């Protein structure tokens, strides 16, 4: 009987090992299923204990927040408006206008210099034509092809009409100083022994 008892004990321990192995496997399966359910529930927004859908909580509509957002947008818009207005006013100052005119003069002279040999260091006077009809009335021959936007470039010895957009010289004429001519003719008459005559 002692043999039976030891065999029974061995068999009972084998059965207990099988039972405990089965219980362990069942517990592991159950734990992994519960973990999977919790993961699915977290991803779908539901709780494993709560089977219904869980609503996403949104902040309550607040008139205060809406008013604050509108005030912020108005403040940003006003700041942009006043910044732009100040920038434009700065460009309209005499210094701003002079700087723009100087830059425009340099661009016109540089473009003209590429088309025409300009000798000497004389600084020209540059004017943009705004009303060609008035100029055509003053001197029809010289201004006959002038257009709005052309430049009148005046050097001490010559006048040039230049169209910068087309890089084209429209007309060139010498500048004759009539006071110099009158003084030269008076000098010549005095040298010849005669008195200057008034016209």
Protein backbone atom coordinates (compact mmCIF):
# COMPACT_ATOMS: atom_id res chain seq x y z
CA UNK A 1 0.00 0.00 0.00
CA UNK A 2 2.92 2.16 0.52
CA UNK A 3 3.61 1.81 -3.18
CA UNK A 4 0.11 2.82 -4.03
CA UNK A 5 0.30 5.80 -1.85
CA UNK A 6 3.50 7.04 -3.41
CA UNK A 7 2.06 6.39 -6.88
CA UNK A 8 -1.08 8.22 -5.87
CA UNK A 9 1.01 11.07 -4.54
CA UNK A 10 3.02 11.20 -7.76
CA UNK A 11 -0.16 11.02 -9.80
CA UNK A 12 -1.85 13.62 -7.62
CA UNK A 13 1.18 15.92 -7.93
CA UNK A 14 1.11 15.39 -11.72
CA UNK A 15 -2.58 16.27 -11.75
CA UNK A 16 -1.95 19.32 -9.56
CA UNK A 17 0.80 20.41 -11.93
CA UNK A 18 -1.55 19.95 -14.89
CA UNK A 19 -4.27 21.85 -13.07
CA UNK A 20 -1.90 24.61 -11.99
CA UNK A 21 -0.46 24.80 -15.56
CA UNK A 22 -3.99 25.01 -16.93
CA UNK A 23 -4.93 27.66 -14.38
CA UNK A 24 -1.83 29.66 -15.21
CA UNK A 25 -2.57 29.47 -18.94
CA UNK A 26 -6.20 30.46 -18.32
CA UNK A 27 -5.09 33.35 -16.11
CA UNK A 28 -2.60 34.55 -18.76
CA UNK A 29 -5.25 34.32 -21.49
CA UNK A 30 -7.77 36.13 -19.32
CA UNK A 31 -5.23 38.87 -18.45
CA UNK A 32 -4.23 39.36 -22.08
CA UNK A 33 -7.91 39.54 -23.11
CA UNK A 34 -8.58 42.10 -20.40
CA UNK A 35 -5.51 44.10 -21.49
CA UNK A 36 -6.64 43.98 -25.09
CA UNK A 37 -10.14 45.11 -24.08
CA UNK A 38 -8.65 47.98 -22.07
CA UNK A 39 -6.44 49.04 -25.00
CA UNK A 40 -9.39 48.90 -27.42
CA UNK A 41 -11.54 50.76 -24.93
CA UNK A 42 -8.88 53.49 -24.46
CA UNK A 43 -8.42 53.89 -28.23
CA UNK A 44 -12.14 54.00 -28.93
CA UNK A 45 -12.83 56.37 -26.05
CA UNK A 46 -14.87 53.93 -23.95
CA UNK A 47 -14.12 52.46 -20.58
CA UNK A 48 -13.99 48.67 -20.19
CA UNK A 49 -16.53 48.89 -17.40
CA UNK A 50 -18.77 51.27 -19.37
CA UNK A 51 -20.21 49.68 -22.52
CA UNK A 52 -21.96 52.85 -23.83
CA UNK A 53 -20.18 55.55 -25.79
CA UNK A 54 -18.34 58.11 -23.77
CA UNK A 55 -18.90 61.66 -25.02
CA UNK A 56 -15.95 63.92 -25.61
CA UNK A 57 -16.19 66.83 -23.23
CA UNK A 58 -15.92 70.16 -25.03
CA UNK A 59 -15.52 73.43 -23.21
CA UNK A 60 -18.76 75.27 -22.75
CA UNK A 61 -19.49 78.11 -25.16
CA UNK A 62 -18.35 81.29 -23.56
CA UNK A 63 -19.36 84.75 -24.73
CA UNK A 64 -16.40 86.14 -22.82
CA UNK A 65 -13.96 84.08 -24.90
CA UNK A 66 -15.66 85.15 -28.13
CA UNK A 67 -15.52 88.83 -27.16
CA UNK A 68 -11.85 88.48 -26.14
CA UNK A 69 -10.98 86.85 -29.47
CA UNK A 70 -12.76 89.60 -31.42
CA UNK A 71 -11.00 92.31 -29.39
CA UNK A 72 -7.64 90.65 -30.05
CA UNK A 73 -8.33 90.53 -33.80
CA UNK A 74 -9.39 94.20 -33.79
CA UNK A 75 -6.22 95.19 -31.92
CA UNK A 76 -4.02 93.33 -34.41
CA UNK A 77 -5.86 94.94 -37.34
CA UNK A 78 -5.54 98.43 -35.85
CA UNK A 79 -1.83 97.93 -35.20
CA UNK A 80 -1.29 96.86 -38.81
CA UNK A 81 -3.27 99.82 -40.13
CA UNK A 82 -1.34 102.37 -38.05
CA UNK A 83 2.01 100.76 -38.90
CA UNK A 84 1.23 100.97 -42.63
CA UNK A 85 0.00 104.55 -42.26
CA UNK A 86 3.20 105.57 -40.45
CA UNK A 87 5.33 103.87 -43.10
CA UNK A 88 3.55 105.75 -45.89
CA UNK A 89 3.80 109.04 -44.00
CA UNK A 90 7.54 108.53 -43.60
CA UNK A 91 7.86 108.11 -47.36
CA UNK A 92 6.02 111.41 -47.91
CA UNK A 93 8.41 113.46 -45.78
CA UNK A 94 10.75 115.81 -47.67
CA UNK A 95 13.68 113.53 -46.82
CA UNK A 96 11.81 110.49 -48.16
CA UNK A 97 10.83 112.27 -51.37
CA UNK A 98 14.39 113.55 -51.85
CA UNK A 99 15.80 110.05 -51.33
CA UNK A 100 13.37 108.57 -53.87
CA UNK A 101 14.16 111.31 -56.40
CA UNK A 102 17.89 110.82 -55.95
CA UNK A 103 17.57 107.09 -56.46
CA UNK A 104 15.40 107.59 -59.56
CA UNK A 105 17.92 110.10 -60.97
CA UNK A 106 20.79 107.66 -60.46
CA UNK A 107 18.85 104.87 -62.19
CA UNK A 108 17.98 107.08 -65.18
CA UNK A 109 21.55 108.41 -65.57
CA UNK A 110 23.00 104.89 -65.31
CA UNK A 111 20.60 103.59 -67.93
CA UNK A 112 21.26 106.58 -70.21
CA UNK A 113 25.03 106.18 -69.79
CA UNK A 114 24.74 102.67 -71.21
CA UNK A 115 23.18 104.17 -74.37
CA UNK A 116 25.15 107.40 -74.76
CA UNK A 117 28.72 108.44 -73.99
CA UNK A 118 28.52 111.13 -71.33
CA UNK A 119 31.79 112.95 -70.77
CA UNK A 120 32.73 114.88 -67.68
CA UNK A 121 31.56 114.76 -64.11
CA UNK A 122 28.65 117.14 -64.54
CA UNK A 123 25.60 116.18 -62.50
CA UNK A 124 22.49 116.36 -64.66
CA UNK A 125 19.08 117.64 -63.72
CA UNK A 126 16.48 114.93 -64.32
CA UNK A 127 12.74 115.55 -64.58
CA UNK A 128 9.97 113.10 -65.38
CA UNK A 129 7.47 114.26 -68.00
CA UNK A 130 3.98 114.40 -66.51
CA UNK A 131 2.18 116.59 -69.07
CA UNK A 132 3.66 116.31 -72.58
CA UNK A 133 1.09 118.69 -74.13
CA UNK A 134 2.45 121.65 -72.17
CA UNK A 135 5.99 120.85 -73.34
CA UNK A 136 4.88 120.44 -76.96
CA UNK A 137 3.33 123.92 -76.87
CA UNK A 138 6.59 125.39 -75.52
CA UNK A 139 8.85 123.83 -78.19
CA UNK A 140 7.14 121.73 -80.82
CA UNK A 141 10.28 120.58 -82.59
CA UNK A 142 12.16 119.27 -79.56
CA UNK A 143 9.20 117.74 -77.70
CA UNK A 144 7.25 116.34 -80.66
CA UNK A 145 7.71 112.64 -79.66
CA UNK A 146 7.68 113.04 -75.88
CA UNK A 147 5.29 110.87 -73.83
CA UNK A 148 4.17 110.78 -70.23
CA UNK A 149 6.80 108.94 -68.20
CA UNK A 150 9.76 110.01 -70.38
CA UNK A 151 12.68 111.76 -68.70
CA UNK A 152 14.16 115.13 -69.57
CA UNK A 153 17.86 114.99 -68.71
CA UNK A 154 19.60 118.38 -68.74
CA UNK A 155 23.40 118.65 -68.87
CA UNK A 156 25.15 122.04 -69.08
CA UNK A 157 25.69 121.66 -72.84
CA UNK A 158 22.75 119.50 -73.99
CA UNK A 159 19.19 118.39 -73.30
CA UNK A 160 18.12 114.77 -73.74
CA UNK A 161 14.67 113.18 -73.80
CA UNK A 162 15.04 109.56 -72.65
CA UNK A 163 12.47 106.75 -72.45
CA UNK A 164 13.81 104.46 -69.72
CA UNK A 165 11.33 101.58 -70.20
CA UNK A 166 12.39 101.12 -73.83
CA UNK A 167 15.99 102.26 -73.21
CA UNK A 168 15.58 104.68 -76.09
CA UNK A 169 16.89 108.19 -76.64
CA UNK A 170 14.00 110.17 -78.09
CA UNK A 171 15.76 113.46 -78.86
CA UNK A 172 18.98 115.38 -78.14
CA UNK A 173 19.52 119.10 -78.55
CA UNK A 174 22.35 121.45 -77.61
CA UNK A 175 21.66 124.01 -74.92
CA UNK A 176 22.52 127.50 -76.08
CA UNK A 177 22.83 130.11 -73.41
CA UNK A 178 21.55 133.34 -74.99
CA UNK A 179 23.12 135.53 -72.30
CA UNK A 180 26.54 134.11 -73.27
CA UNK A 181 25.84 134.87 -76.95
CA UNK A 182 24.78 138.42 -76.17
CA UNK A 183 27.87 139.03 -74.03
CA UNK A 184 30.11 137.53 -76.73
CA UNK A 185 28.57 139.73 -79.43
CA UNK A 186 28.95 142.77 -77.17
CA UNK A 187 32.60 141.89 -76.59
CA UNK A 188 33.14 141.48 -80.32
CA UNK A 189 31.55 144.83 -81.09
CA UNK A 190 33.67 146.57 -78.45
CA UNK A 191 36.78 144.96 -79.89
CA UNK A 192 35.73 146.22 -83.33
CA UNK A 193 35.32 149.70 -81.92
CA UNK A 194 31.58 149.93 -82.09
CA UNK A 195 29.02 150.38 -79.37
CA UNK A 196 26.64 147.57 -78.53
CA UNK A 197 23.23 148.00 -80.02
CA UNK A 198 19.98 147.32 -78.23
CA UNK A 199 17.46 145.25 -80.03
